[in-house]
PDB file of N, CA and C in Angstrom:
ATOM      1  N   MET A   1      -0.902 -18.848 -18.950  1.00  0.00           N
ATOM      2  CA  MET A   1      -2.239 -18.521 -18.510  1.00  0.00           C
ATOM      3  C   MET A   1      -2.247 -17.087 -17.978  1.00  0.00           C
ATOM      4  N   ASN A   2      -2.925 -16.220 -18.690  1.00  0.00           N
ATOM      5  CA  ASN A   2      -3.031 -14.821 -18.278  1.00  0.00           C
ATOM      6  C   ASN A   2      -4.373 -14.579 -17.613  1.00  0.00           C
ATOM      7  N   ILE A   3      -4.324 -14.062 -16.421  1.00  0.00           N
ATOM      8  CA  ILE A   3      -5.550 -13.713 -15.700  1.00  0.00           C
ATOM      9  C   ILE A   3      -5.655 -12.193 -15.700  1.00  0.00           C
ATOM     10  N   VAL A   4      -6.760 -11.712 -16.226  1.00  0.00           N
ATOM     11  CA  VAL A   4      -6.969 -10.269 -16.289  1.00  0.00           C
ATOM     12  C   VAL A   4      -7.926  -9.879 -15.174  1.00  0.00           C
ATOM     13  N   ILE A   5      -7.460  -9.006 -14.322  1.00  0.00           N
ATOM     14  CA  ILE A   5      -8.304  -8.503 -13.249  1.00  0.00           C
ATOM     15  C   ILE A   5      -8.798  -7.132 -13.675  1.00  0.00           C
ATOM     16  N   SER A   6     -10.093  -7.005 -13.779  1.00  0.00           N
ATOM     17  CA  SER A   6     -10.636  -5.716 -14.200  1.00  0.00           C
ATOM     18  C   SER A   6     -11.575  -5.178 -13.129  1.00  0.00           C
ATOM     19  N   LYS A   7     -11.498  -3.896 -12.949  1.00  0.00           N
ATOM     20  CA  LYS A   7     -12.348  -3.225 -11.976  1.00  0.00           C
ATOM     21  C   LYS A   7     -13.706  -2.948 -12.628  1.00  0.00           C
ATOM     22  N   PRO A   8     -14.811  -3.219 -11.934  1.00  0.00           N
ATOM     23  CA  PRO A   8     -16.112  -2.981 -12.557  1.00  0.00           C
ATOM     24  C   PRO A   8     -16.365  -1.486 -12.766  1.00  0.00           C
ATOM     25  N   ASP A   9     -16.998  -1.179 -13.877  1.00  0.00           N
ATOM     26  CA  ASP A   9     -17.336   0.200 -14.209  1.00  0.00           C
ATOM     27  C   ASP A   9     -18.446   0.677 -13.276  1.00  0.00           C
ATOM     28  N   LYS A  10     -18.197   1.770 -12.553  1.00  0.00           N
ATOM     29  CA  LYS A  10     -19.159   2.249 -11.559  1.00  0.00           C
ATOM     30  C   LYS A  10     -20.488   2.635 -12.189  1.00  0.00           C
ATOM     31  N   ASN A  11     -20.433   3.254 -13.366  1.00  0.00           N
ATOM     32  CA  ASN A  11     -21.682   3.679 -13.997  1.00  0.00           C
ATOM     33  C   ASN A  11     -22.483   2.480 -14.492  1.00  0.00           C
ATOM     34  N   LYS A  12     -21.808   1.448 -14.980  1.00  0.00           N
ATOM     35  CA  LYS A  12     -22.517   0.239 -15.423  1.00  0.00           C
ATOM     36  C   LYS A  12     -23.211  -0.445 -14.245  1.00  0.00           C
ATOM     37  N   THR A  13     -22.523  -0.540 -13.108  1.00  0.00           N
ATOM     38  CA  THR A  13     -23.152  -1.170 -11.946  1.00  0.00           C
ATOM     39  C   THR A  13     -24.298  -0.320 -11.422  1.00  0.00           C
ATOM     40  N   ARG A  14     -24.162   1.015 -11.489  1.00  0.00           N
ATOM     41  CA  ARG A  14     -25.256   1.897 -11.079  1.00  0.00           C
ATOM     42  C   ARG A  14     -26.458   1.710 -11.998  1.00  0.00           C
ATOM     43  N   GLN A  15     -26.215   1.606 -13.307  1.00  0.00           N
ATOM     44  CA  GLN A  15     -27.312   1.421 -14.254  1.00  0.00           C
ATOM     45  C   GLN A  15     -28.013   0.083 -14.036  1.00  0.00           C
ATOM     46  N   ARG A  16     -27.261  -0.963 -13.719  1.00  0.00           N
ATOM     47  CA  ARG A  16     -27.874  -2.258 -13.425  1.00  0.00           C
ATOM     48  C   ARG A  16     -28.714  -2.184 -12.163  1.00  0.00           C
ATOM     49  N   ARG A  17     -28.191  -1.492 -11.134  1.00  0.00           N
ATOM     50  CA  ARG A  17     -28.939  -1.290  -9.897  1.00  0.00           C
ATOM     51  C   ARG A  17     -30.225  -0.518 -10.169  1.00  0.00           C
ATOM     52  N   HIS A  18     -30.124   0.529 -10.991  1.00  0.00           N
ATOM     53  CA  HIS A  18     -31.288   1.360 -11.306  1.00  0.00           C
ATOM     54  C   HIS A  18     -32.333   0.572 -12.087  1.00  0.00           C
ATOM     55  N   SER A  19     -31.900  -0.265 -13.021  1.00  0.00           N
ATOM     56  CA  SER A  19     -32.872  -1.043 -13.792  1.00  0.00           C
ATOM     57  C   SER A  19     -33.580  -2.071 -12.917  1.00  0.00           C
ATOM     58  N   ARG A  20     -32.891  -2.623 -11.924  1.00  0.00           N
ATOM     59  CA  ARG A  20     -33.548  -3.533 -10.984  1.00  0.00           C
ATOM     60  C   ARG A  20     -34.615  -2.800 -10.187  1.00  0.00           C
ATOM     61  N   VAL A  21     -34.287  -1.599  -9.722  1.00  0.00           N
ATOM     62  CA  VAL A  21     -35.239  -0.814  -8.936  1.00  0.00           C
ATOM     63  C   VAL A  21     -36.406  -0.372  -9.807  1.00  0.00           C
ATOM     64  N   ARG A  22     -36.125   0.022 -11.057  1.00  0.00           N
ATOM     65  CA  ARG A  22     -37.175   0.493 -11.950  1.00  0.00           C
ATOM     66  C   ARG A  22     -38.171  -0.608 -12.289  1.00  0.00           C
ATOM     67  N   GLY A  23     -37.747  -1.849 -12.182  1.00  0.00           N
ATOM     68  CA  GLY A  23     -38.679  -2.945 -12.385  1.00  0.00           C
ATOM     69  C   GLY A  23     -39.689  -3.060 -11.265  1.00  0.00           C
ATOM     70  N   LYS A  24     -39.380  -2.475 -10.120  1.00  0.00           N
ATOM     71  CA  LYS A  24     -40.240  -2.602  -8.947  1.00  0.00           C
ATOM     72  C   LYS A  24     -41.061  -1.357  -8.664  1.00  0.00           C
ATOM     73  N   ILE A  25     -40.568  -0.167  -9.027  1.00  0.00           N
ATOM     74  CA  ILE A  25     -41.327   1.052  -8.736  1.00  0.00           C
ATOM     75  C   ILE A  25     -41.748   1.731 -10.032  1.00  0.00           C
ATOM     76  N   SER A  26     -42.876   2.418  -9.955  1.00  0.00           N
ATOM     77  CA  SER A  26     -43.397   3.124 -11.111  1.00  0.00           C
ATOM     78  C   SER A  26     -44.203   4.311 -10.628  1.00  0.00           C
ATOM     79  N   GLY A  27     -44.158   5.397 -11.356  1.00  0.00           N
ATOM     80  CA  GLY A  27     -44.906   6.588 -10.985  1.00  0.00           C
ATOM     81  C   GLY A  27     -46.249   6.640 -11.682  1.00  0.00           C
ATOM     82  N   THR A  28     -47.243   7.173 -10.990  1.00  0.00           N
ATOM     83  CA  THR A  28     -48.568   7.365 -11.572  1.00  0.00           C
ATOM     84  C   THR A  28     -48.895   8.851 -11.530  1.00  0.00           C
ATOM     85  N   SER A  29     -50.058   9.213 -12.061  1.00  0.00           N
ATOM     86  CA  SER A  29     -50.429  10.626 -12.026  1.00  0.00           C
ATOM     87  C   SER A  29     -50.757  11.062 -10.606  1.00  0.00           C
ATOM     88  N   GLU A  30     -51.260  10.129  -9.757  1.00  0.00           N
ATOM     89  CA  GLU A  30     -51.553  10.468  -8.366  1.00  0.00           C
ATOM     90  C   GLU A  30     -50.281  10.492  -7.520  1.00  0.00           C
ATOM     91  N   ARG A  31     -49.346   9.592  -7.831  1.00  0.00           N
ATOM     92  CA  ARG A  31     -48.096   9.493  -7.071  1.00  0.00           C
ATOM     93  C   ARG A  31     -46.933   9.350  -8.052  1.00  0.00           C
ATOM     94  N   PRO A  32     -46.440  10.483  -8.575  1.00  0.00           N
ATOM     95  CA  PRO A  32     -45.373  10.407  -9.577  1.00  0.00           C
ATOM     96  C   PRO A  32     -44.039   9.975  -8.969  1.00  0.00           C
ATOM     97  N   ARG A  33     -43.128   9.598  -9.855  1.00  0.00           N
ATOM     98  CA  ARG A  33     -41.801   9.154  -9.447  1.00  0.00           C
ATOM     99  C   ARG A  33     -40.852  10.346  -9.468  1.00  0.00           C
ATOM    100  N   LEU A  34     -40.173  10.590  -8.340  1.00  0.00           N
ATOM    101  CA  LEU A  34     -39.152  11.637  -8.266  1.00  0.00           C
ATOM    102  C   LEU A  34     -37.827  11.006  -8.667  1.00  0.00           C
ATOM    103  N   ASN A  35     -37.420  11.254  -9.909  1.00  0.00           N
ATOM    104  CA  ASN A  35     -36.219  10.659 -10.464  1.00  0.00           C
ATOM    105  C   ASN A  35     -35.048  11.631 -10.336  1.00  0.00           C
ATOM    106  N   ILE A  36     -33.877  11.096 -10.019  1.00  0.00           N
ATOM    107  CA  ILE A  36     -32.671  11.911  -9.867  1.00  0.00           C
ATOM    108  C   ILE A  36     -31.607  11.405 -10.831  1.00  0.00           C
ATOM    109  N   PHE A  37     -30.955  12.350 -11.518  1.00  0.00           N
ATOM    110  CA  PHE A  37     -29.768  12.029 -12.298  1.00  0.00           C
ATOM    111  C   PHE A  37     -28.658  12.956 -11.843  1.00  0.00           C
ATOM    112  N   ARG A  38     -27.498  12.384 -11.601  1.00  0.00           N
ATOM    113  CA  ARG A  38     -26.366  13.135 -11.071  1.00  0.00           C
ATOM    114  C   ARG A  38     -25.205  13.030 -12.056  1.00  0.00           C
ATOM    115  N   SER A  39     -24.750  14.164 -12.557  1.00  0.00           N
ATOM    116  CA  SER A  39     -23.540  14.170 -13.375  1.00  0.00           C
ATOM    117  C   SER A  39     -22.395  14.724 -12.527  1.00  0.00           C
ATOM    118  N   ASN A  40     -21.230  14.872 -13.117  1.00  0.00           N
ATOM    119  CA  ASN A  40     -20.105  15.383 -12.341  1.00  0.00           C
ATOM    120  C   ASN A  40     -20.304  16.834 -11.927  1.00  0.00           C
ATOM    121  N   LYS A  41     -20.960  17.627 -12.772  1.00  0.00           N
ATOM    122  CA  LYS A  41     -21.131  19.050 -12.476  1.00  0.00           C
ATOM    123  C   LYS A  41     -22.534  19.395 -11.999  1.00  0.00           C
ATOM    124  N   ASN A  42     -23.560  18.726 -12.502  1.00  0.00           N
ATOM    125  CA  ASN A  42     -24.944  19.123 -12.254  1.00  0.00           C
ATOM    126  C   ASN A  42     -25.752  17.983 -11.666  1.00  0.00           C
ATOM    127  N   ILE A  43     -26.955  18.328 -11.194  1.00  0.00           N
ATOM    128  CA  ILE A  43     -27.900  17.326 -10.712  1.00  0.00           C
ATOM    129  C   ILE A  43     -29.272  17.703 -11.249  1.00  0.00           C
ATOM    130  N   TYR A  44     -30.038  16.700 -11.649  1.00  0.00           N
ATOM    131  CA  TYR A  44     -31.327  16.908 -12.288  1.00  0.00           C
ATOM    132  C   TYR A  44     -32.379  16.112 -11.527  1.00  0.00           C
ATOM    133  N   ALA A  45     -33.581  16.674 -11.397  1.00  0.00           N
ATOM    134  CA  ALA A  45     -34.687  15.981 -10.739  1.00  0.00           C
ATOM    135  C   ALA A  45     -35.932  16.145 -11.597  1.00  0.00           C
ATOM    136  N   GLN A  46     -36.721  15.068 -11.713  1.00  0.00           N
ATOM    137  CA  GLN A  46     -37.954  15.100 -12.494  1.00  0.00           C
ATOM    138  C   GLN A  46     -39.051  14.383 -11.737  1.00  0.00           C
ATOM    139  N   LEU A  47     -40.274  14.892 -11.846  1.00  0.00           N
ATOM    140  CA  LEU A  47     -41.458  14.169 -11.399  1.00  0.00           C
ATOM    141  C   LEU A  47     -42.062  13.539 -12.641  1.00  0.00           C
ATOM    142  N   ILE A  48     -42.122  12.204 -12.671  1.00  0.00           N
ATOM    143  CA  ILE A  48     -42.493  11.479 -13.877  1.00  0.00           C
ATOM    144  C   ILE A  48     -43.733  10.634 -13.629  1.00  0.00           C
ATOM    145  N   ASP A  49     -44.694  10.721 -14.560  1.00  0.00           N
ATOM    146  CA  ASP A  49     -45.846   9.826 -14.600  1.00  0.00           C
ATOM    147  C   ASP A  49     -45.503   8.738 -15.607  1.00  0.00           C
ATOM    148  N   ASP A  50     -45.156   7.538 -15.120  1.00  0.00           N
ATOM    149  CA  ASP A  50     -44.722   6.459 -16.002  1.00  0.00           C
ATOM    150  C   ASP A  50     -45.868   5.846 -16.792  1.00  0.00           C
ATOM    151  N   VAL A  51     -47.091   5.950 -16.286  1.00  0.00           N
ATOM    152  CA  VAL A  51     -48.239   5.384 -16.999  1.00  0.00           C
ATOM    153  C   VAL A  51     -48.465   6.153 -18.299  1.00  0.00           C
ATOM    154  N   ALA A  52     -48.474   7.483 -18.210  1.00  0.00           N
ATOM    155  CA  ALA A  52     -48.675   8.311 -19.394  1.00  0.00           C
ATOM    156  C   ALA A  52     -47.364   8.594 -20.128  1.00  0.00           C
ATOM    157  N   GLY A  53     -46.235   8.381 -19.447  1.00  0.00           N
ATOM    158  CA  GLY A  53     -44.941   8.627 -20.064  1.00  0.00           C
ATOM    159  C   GLY A  53     -44.611  10.100 -20.208  1.00  0.00           C
ATOM    160  N   VAL A  54     -45.016  10.912 -19.225  1.00  0.00           N
ATOM    161  CA  VAL A  54     -44.774  12.350 -19.298  1.00  0.00           C
ATOM    162  C   VAL A  54     -44.049  12.833 -18.043  1.00  0.00           C
ATOM    163  N   THR A  55     -43.297  13.914 -18.209  1.00  0.00           N
ATOM    164  CA  THR A  55     -42.659  14.590 -17.088  1.00  0.00           C
ATOM    165  C   THR A  55     -43.593  15.674 -16.590  1.00  0.00           C
ATOM    166  N   LEU A  56     -43.924  15.634 -15.304  1.00  0.00           N
ATOM    167  CA  LEU A  56     -44.876  16.578 -14.727  1.00  0.00           C
ATOM    168  C   LEU A  56     -44.191  17.841 -14.231  1.00  0.00           C
ATOM    169  N   ALA A  57     -42.980  17.738 -13.718  1.00  0.00           N
ATOM    170  CA  ALA A  57     -42.207  18.892 -13.255  1.00  0.00           C
ATOM    171  C   ALA A  57     -40.734  18.508 -13.287  1.00  0.00           C
ATOM    172  N   SER A  58     -39.886  19.509 -13.444  1.00  0.00           N
ATOM    173  CA  SER A  58     -38.453  19.231 -13.457  1.00  0.00           C
ATOM    174  C   SER A  58     -37.693  20.407 -12.871  1.00  0.00           C
ATOM    175  N   ALA A  59     -36.485  20.118 -12.405  1.00  0.00           N
ATOM    176  CA  ALA A  59     -35.588  21.148 -11.881  1.00  0.00           C
ATOM    177  C   ALA A  59     -34.162  20.629 -12.005  1.00  0.00           C
ATOM    178  N   SER A  60     -33.235  21.540 -12.175  1.00  0.00           N
ATOM    179  CA  SER A  60     -31.830  21.150 -12.228  1.00  0.00           C
ATOM    180  C   SER A  60     -30.969  22.332 -11.811  1.00  0.00           C
ATOM    181  N   THR A  61     -29.687  22.071 -11.676  1.00  0.00           N
ATOM    182  CA  THR A  61     -28.764  23.134 -11.314  1.00  0.00           C
ATOM    183  C   THR A  61     -28.550  24.098 -12.475  1.00  0.00           C
ATOM    184  N   LEU A  62     -29.048  23.774 -13.655  1.00  0.00           N
ATOM    185  CA  LEU A  62     -28.935  24.663 -14.806  1.00  0.00           C
ATOM    186  C   LEU A  62     -30.042  25.709 -14.838  1.00  0.00           C
ATOM    187  N   ASP A  63     -31.049  25.594 -13.944  1.00  0.00           N
ATOM    188  CA  ASP A  63     -32.140  26.564 -13.896  1.00  0.00           C
ATOM    189  C   ASP A  63     -31.626  27.922 -13.441  1.00  0.00           C
ATOM    190  N   LYS A  64     -32.300  28.969 -13.905  1.00  0.00           N
ATOM    191  CA  LYS A  64     -31.874  30.332 -13.589  1.00  0.00           C
ATOM    192  C   LYS A  64     -32.090  30.678 -12.125  1.00  0.00           C
ATOM    193  N   GLU A  65     -33.042  29.994 -11.457  1.00  0.00           N
ATOM    194  CA  GLU A  65     -33.342  30.305 -10.061  1.00  0.00           C
ATOM    195  C   GLU A  65     -32.228  29.873  -9.108  1.00  0.00           C
ATOM    196  N   ILE A  66     -31.359  28.990  -9.555  1.00  0.00           N
ATOM    197  CA  ILE A  66     -30.317  28.432  -8.691  1.00  0.00           C
ATOM    198  C   ILE A  66     -29.000  29.141  -8.979  1.00  0.00           C
ATOM    199  N   SER A  67     -28.380  29.623  -7.931  1.00  0.00           N
ATOM    200  CA  SER A  67     -27.143  30.382  -8.058  1.00  0.00           C
ATOM    201  C   SER A  67     -26.001  29.472  -8.503  1.00  0.00           C
ATOM    202  N   ALA A  68     -25.164  29.994  -9.364  1.00  0.00           N
ATOM    203  CA  ALA A  68     -24.045  29.209  -9.885  1.00  0.00           C
ATOM    204  C   ALA A  68     -22.864  29.172  -8.924  1.00  0.00           C
ATOM    205  N   ASP A  69     -22.861  30.035  -7.903  1.00  0.00           N
ATOM    206  CA  ASP A  69     -21.706  30.088  -7.011  1.00  0.00           C
ATOM    207  C   ASP A  69     -21.843  29.201  -5.776  1.00  0.00           C
ATOM    208  N   LEU A  70     -22.872  28.340  -5.727  1.00  0.00           N
ATOM    209  CA  LEU A  70     -23.020  27.388  -4.622  1.00  0.00           C
ATOM    210  C   LEU A  70     -22.152  26.165  -4.874  1.00  0.00           C
ATOM    211  N   ASN A  71     -21.769  25.477  -3.791  1.00  0.00           N
ATOM    212  CA  ASN A  71     -21.067  24.214  -4.001  1.00  0.00           C
ATOM    213  C   ASN A  71     -22.079  23.141  -4.414  1.00  0.00           C
ATOM    214  N   LYS A  72     -21.590  21.958  -4.766  1.00  0.00           N
ATOM    215  CA  LYS A  72     -22.470  20.951  -5.358  1.00  0.00           C
ATOM    216  C   LYS A  72     -23.550  20.459  -4.401  1.00  0.00           C
ATOM    217  N   THR A  73     -23.238  20.300  -3.121  1.00  0.00           N
ATOM    218  CA  THR A  73     -24.229  19.821  -2.153  1.00  0.00           C
ATOM    219  C   THR A  73     -25.295  20.875  -1.903  1.00  0.00           C
ATOM    220  N   ASP A  74     -24.890  22.129  -1.774  1.00  0.00           N
ATOM    221  CA  ASP A  74     -25.860  23.202  -1.561  1.00  0.00           C
ATOM    222  C   ASP A  74     -26.740  23.412  -2.788  1.00  0.00           C
ATOM    223  N   SER A  75     -26.161  23.279  -3.981  1.00  0.00           N
ATOM    224  CA  SER A  75     -26.973  23.431  -5.185  1.00  0.00           C
ATOM    225  C   SER A  75     -27.938  22.258  -5.339  1.00  0.00           C
ATOM    226  N   ALA A  76     -27.553  21.062  -4.880  1.00  0.00           N
ATOM    227  CA  ALA A  76     -28.474  19.922  -4.903  1.00  0.00           C
ATOM    228  C   ALA A  76     -29.640  20.166  -3.958  1.00  0.00           C
ATOM    229  N   ALA A  77     -29.372  20.764  -2.799  1.00  0.00           N
ATOM    230  CA  ALA A  77     -30.448  21.113  -1.872  1.00  0.00           C
ATOM    231  C   ALA A  77     -31.369  22.160  -2.488  1.00  0.00           C
ATOM    232  N   ALA A  78     -30.798  23.101  -3.234  1.00  0.00           N
ATOM    233  CA  ALA A  78     -31.617  24.110  -3.910  1.00  0.00           C
ATOM    234  C   ALA A  78     -32.493  23.472  -4.984  1.00  0.00           C
ATOM    235  N   VAL A  79     -31.977  22.456  -5.673  1.00  0.00           N
ATOM    236  CA  VAL A  79     -32.776  21.728  -6.666  1.00  0.00           C
ATOM    237  C   VAL A  79     -33.908  20.981  -5.972  1.00  0.00           C
ATOM    238  N   GLY A  80     -33.637  20.387  -4.812  1.00  0.00           N
ATOM    239  CA  GLY A  80     -34.685  19.707  -4.052  1.00  0.00           C
ATOM    240  C   GLY A  80     -35.785  20.654  -3.630  1.00  0.00           C
ATOM    241  N   GLU A  81     -35.394  21.845  -3.193  1.00  0.00           N
ATOM    242  CA  GLU A  81     -36.384  22.855  -2.809  1.00  0.00           C
ATOM    243  C   GLU A  81     -37.222  23.279  -4.014  1.00  0.00           C
ATOM    244  N   LEU A  82     -36.566  23.474  -5.161  1.00  0.00           N
ATOM    245  CA  LEU A  82     -37.260  23.925  -6.368  1.00  0.00           C
ATOM    246  C   LEU A  82     -38.201  22.857  -6.915  1.00  0.00           C
ATOM    247  N   ILE A  83     -37.775  21.587  -6.930  1.00  0.00           N
ATOM    248  CA  ILE A  83     -38.651  20.525  -7.445  1.00  0.00           C
ATOM    249  C   ILE A  83     -39.842  20.328  -6.520  1.00  0.00           C
ATOM    250  N   ALA A  84     -39.641  20.513  -5.217  1.00  0.00           N
ATOM    251  CA  ALA A  84     -40.754  20.389  -4.278  1.00  0.00           C
ATOM    252  C   ALA A  84     -41.774  21.496  -4.507  1.00  0.00           C
ATOM    253  N   LYS A  85     -41.303  22.716  -4.685  1.00  0.00           N
ATOM    254  CA  LYS A  85     -42.220  23.834  -4.921  1.00  0.00           C
ATOM    255  C   LYS A  85     -42.972  23.659  -6.231  1.00  0.00           C
ATOM    256  N   ARG A  86     -42.285  23.218  -7.277  1.00  0.00           N
ATOM    257  CA  ARG A  86     -42.940  23.013  -8.571  1.00  0.00           C
ATOM    258  C   ARG A  86     -43.905  21.835  -8.519  1.00  0.00           C
ATOM    259  N   GLY A  87     -43.546  20.785  -7.786  1.00  0.00           N
ATOM    260  CA  GLY A  87     -44.432  19.631  -7.666  1.00  0.00           C
ATOM    261  C   GLY A  87     -45.691  19.948  -6.889  1.00  0.00           C
ATOM    262  N   VAL A  88     -45.556  20.660  -5.776  1.00  0.00           N
ATOM    263  CA  VAL A  88     -46.720  21.037  -4.971  1.00  0.00           C
ATOM    264  C   VAL A  88     -47.600  22.004  -5.756  1.00  0.00           C
ATOM    265  N   ALA A  89     -46.987  22.918  -6.516  1.00  0.00           N
ATOM    266  CA  ALA A  89     -47.761  23.854  -7.336  1.00  0.00           C
ATOM    267  C   ALA A  89     -48.535  23.125  -8.427  1.00  0.00           C
ATOM    268  N   ALA A  90     -47.980  22.015  -8.921  1.00  0.00           N
ATOM    269  CA  ALA A  90     -48.666  21.224  -9.941  1.00  0.00           C
ATOM    270  C   ALA A  90     -49.674  20.254  -9.330  1.00  0.00           C
ATOM    271  N   GLY A  91     -49.755  20.222  -7.995  1.00  0.00           N
ATOM    272  CA  GLY A  91     -50.732  19.374  -7.323  1.00  0.00           C
ATOM    273  C   GLY A  91     -50.243  17.983  -6.981  1.00  0.00           C
ATOM    274  N   HIS A  92     -48.942  17.795  -6.906  1.00  0.00           N
ATOM    275  CA  HIS A  92     -48.364  16.483  -6.601  1.00  0.00           C
ATOM    276  C   HIS A  92     -47.582  16.586  -5.302  1.00  0.00           C
ATOM    277  N   LYS A  93     -48.212  16.184  -4.205  1.00  0.00           N
ATOM    278  CA  LYS A  93     -47.588  16.289  -2.886  1.00  0.00           C
ATOM    279  C   LYS A  93     -46.915  14.980  -2.470  1.00  0.00           C
ATOM    280  N   VAL A  94     -47.490  13.840  -2.855  1.00  0.00           N
ATOM    281  CA  VAL A  94     -46.953  12.527  -2.490  1.00  0.00           C
ATOM    282  C   VAL A  94     -46.267  11.928  -3.716  1.00  0.00           C
ATOM    283  N   VAL A  95     -45.006  11.515  -3.555  1.00  0.00           N
ATOM    284  CA  VAL A  95     -44.229  10.979  -4.669  1.00  0.00           C
ATOM    285  C   VAL A  95     -43.550   9.675  -4.258  1.00  0.00           C
ATOM    286  N   VAL A  96     -43.025   8.971  -5.253  1.00  0.00           N
ATOM    287  CA  VAL A  96     -42.182   7.794  -5.037  1.00  0.00           C
ATOM    288  C   VAL A  96     -40.752   8.230  -5.330  1.00  0.00           C
ATOM    289  N   PHE A  97     -39.839   8.012  -4.385  1.00  0.00           N
ATOM    290  CA  PHE A  97     -38.460   8.473  -4.550  1.00  0.00           C
ATOM    291  C   PHE A  97     -37.645   7.431  -5.292  1.00  0.00           C
ATOM    292  N   ASP A  98     -37.032   7.844  -6.405  1.00  0.00           N
ATOM    293  CA  ASP A  98     -36.163   6.985  -7.205  1.00  0.00           C
ATOM    294  C   ASP A  98     -34.783   7.630  -7.216  1.00  0.00           C
ATOM    295  N   ARG A  99     -33.865   7.069  -6.436  1.00  0.00           N
ATOM    296  CA  ARG A  99     -32.545   7.686  -6.309  1.00  0.00           C
ATOM    297  C   ARG A  99     -31.624   7.330  -7.468  1.00  0.00           C
ATOM    298  N   GLY A 100     -32.127   6.613  -8.451  1.00  0.00           N
ATOM    299  CA  GLY A 100     -31.374   6.377  -9.677  1.00  0.00           C
ATOM    300  C   GLY A 100     -30.194   5.442  -9.537  1.00  0.00           C
ATOM    301  N   GLY A 101     -30.197   4.585  -8.522  1.00  0.00           N
ATOM    302  CA  GLY A 101     -29.077   3.677  -8.319  1.00  0.00           C
ATOM    303  C   GLY A 101     -27.929   4.294  -7.549  1.00  0.00           C
ATOM    304  N   TYR A 102     -28.040   5.567  -7.189  1.00  0.00           N
ATOM    305  CA  TYR A 102     -26.998   6.233  -6.414  1.00  0.00           C
ATOM    306  C   TYR A 102     -27.194   5.942  -4.932  1.00  0.00           C
ATOM    307  N   LEU A 103     -26.110   6.019  -4.164  1.00  0.00           N
ATOM    308  CA  LEU A 103     -26.207   5.867  -2.724  1.00  0.00           C
ATOM    309  C   LEU A 103     -26.934   7.063  -2.130  1.00  0.00           C
ATOM    310  N   TYR A 104     -27.704   6.818  -1.068  1.00  0.00           N
ATOM    311  CA  TYR A 104     -28.400   7.907  -0.382  1.00  0.00           C
ATOM    312  C   TYR A 104     -27.387   8.612   0.511  1.00  0.00           C
ATOM    313  N   HIS A 105     -26.612   9.489  -0.104  1.00  0.00           N
ATOM    314  CA  HIS A 105     -25.518  10.156   0.599  1.00  0.00           C
ATOM    315  C   HIS A 105     -25.130  11.383  -0.205  1.00  0.00           C
ATOM    316  N   GLY A 106     -24.651  12.404   0.453  1.00  0.00           N
ATOM    317  CA  GLY A 106     -24.125  13.567  -0.242  1.00  0.00           C
ATOM    318  C   GLY A 106     -25.188  14.359  -0.970  1.00  0.00           C
ATOM    319  N   ARG A 107     -24.994  14.524  -2.287  1.00  0.00           N
ATOM    320  CA  ARG A 107     -25.908  15.349  -3.083  1.00  0.00           C
ATOM    321  C   ARG A 107     -27.299  14.755  -3.176  1.00  0.00           C
ATOM    322  N   VAL A 108     -27.397  13.431  -3.283  1.00  0.00           N
ATOM    323  CA  VAL A 108     -28.706  12.777  -3.375  1.00  0.00           C
ATOM    324  C   VAL A 108     -29.478  12.968  -2.075  1.00  0.00           C
ATOM    325  N   ALA A 109     -28.815  12.793  -0.947  1.00  0.00           N
ATOM    326  CA  ALA A 109     -29.470  12.972   0.350  1.00  0.00           C
ATOM    327  C   ALA A 109     -29.856  14.431   0.570  1.00  0.00           C
ATOM    328  N   ALA A 110     -29.007  15.363   0.147  1.00  0.00           N
ATOM    329  CA  ALA A 110     -29.313  16.787   0.309  1.00  0.00           C
ATOM    330  C   ALA A 110     -30.542  17.168  -0.498  1.00  0.00           C
ATOM    331  N   LEU A 111     -30.639  16.664  -1.724  1.00  0.00           N
ATOM    332  CA  LEU A 111     -31.810  16.936  -2.561  1.00  0.00           C
ATOM    333  C   LEU A 111     -33.071  16.358  -1.933  1.00  0.00           C
ATOM    334  N   ALA A 112     -32.990  15.125  -1.447  1.00  0.00           N
ATOM    335  CA  ALA A 112     -34.161  14.464  -0.861  1.00  0.00           C
ATOM    336  C   ALA A 112     -34.632  15.176   0.400  1.00  0.00           C
ATOM    337  N   GLU A 113     -33.703  15.552   1.265  1.00  0.00           N
ATOM    338  CA  GLU A 113     -34.086  16.228   2.507  1.00  0.00           C
ATOM    339  C   GLU A 113     -34.712  17.591   2.230  1.00  0.00           C
ATOM    340  N   ALA A 114     -34.153  18.330   1.270  1.00  0.00           N
ATOM    341  CA  ALA A 114     -34.716  19.638   0.926  1.00  0.00           C
ATOM    342  C   ALA A 114     -36.104  19.487   0.314  1.00  0.00           C
ATOM    343  N   ALA A 115     -36.307  18.439  -0.480  1.00  0.00           N
ATOM    344  CA  ALA A 115     -37.630  18.210  -1.069  1.00  0.00           C
ATOM    345  C   ALA A 115     -38.647  17.872   0.018  1.00  0.00           C
ATOM    346  N   ARG A 116     -38.229  17.080   1.007  1.00  0.00           N
ATOM    347  CA  ARG A 116     -39.129  16.742   2.121  1.00  0.00           C
ATOM    348  C   ARG A 116     -39.485  17.981   2.934  1.00  0.00           C
ATOM    349  N   GLU A 117     -38.496  18.821   3.204  1.00  0.00           N
ATOM    350  CA  GLU A 117     -38.727  20.021   4.010  1.00  0.00           C
ATOM    351  C   GLU A 117     -39.661  21.006   3.325  1.00  0.00           C
ATOM    352  N   ASN A 118     -39.729  20.957   1.994  1.00  0.00           N
ATOM    353  CA  ASN A 118     -40.535  21.915   1.248  1.00  0.00           C
ATOM    354  C   ASN A 118     -41.851  21.339   0.746  1.00  0.00           C
ATOM    355  N   GLY A 119     -42.291  20.216   1.317  1.00  0.00           N
ATOM    356  CA  GLY A 119     -43.655  19.778   1.057  1.00  0.00           C
ATOM    357  C   GLY A 119     -43.858  18.463   0.346  1.00  0.00           C
ATOM    358  N   LEU A 120     -42.816  17.852  -0.212  1.00  0.00           N
ATOM    359  CA  LEU A 120     -43.011  16.551  -0.851  1.00  0.00           C
ATOM    360  C   LEU A 120     -42.974  15.454   0.206  1.00  0.00           C
ATOM    361  N   GLU A 121     -43.837  14.468   0.059  1.00  0.00           N
ATOM    362  CA  GLU A 121     -43.898  13.352   1.001  1.00  0.00           C
ATOM    363  C   GLU A 121     -43.447  12.078   0.307  1.00  0.00           C
ATOM    364  N   PHE A 122     -42.413  11.446   0.869  1.00  0.00           N
ATOM    365  CA  PHE A 122     -41.958  10.127   0.418  1.00  0.00           C
ATOM    366  C   PHE A 122     -41.152   9.478   1.506  1.00  0.00           C
TER     367      PHE A 122
END
């Protein structure tokens, strides 16, 4: 009798967590969803209207406005500042925060706090 002990895949569990949350929250044109995706090198943020299926504003560490010599947490805060400015400029001040199944810690928390400080309400 062979018992195989396998460690759960972190990304699979995150995706399952995210799909559970996505079943409960949705963005509208009045209150879009602030979605976050975090890769090993970069972080991406989008304001999404789920009813129409369109992205209203986006920002990432790949944008030219964000310096490449920042560490990952500081660059995530810069992305939060940029998405907040673009969202407010597009007329979207109140949003629904979707952390994408990630823990509210580190880069995700830095992005969220910077977005709050620069005018987004959630």
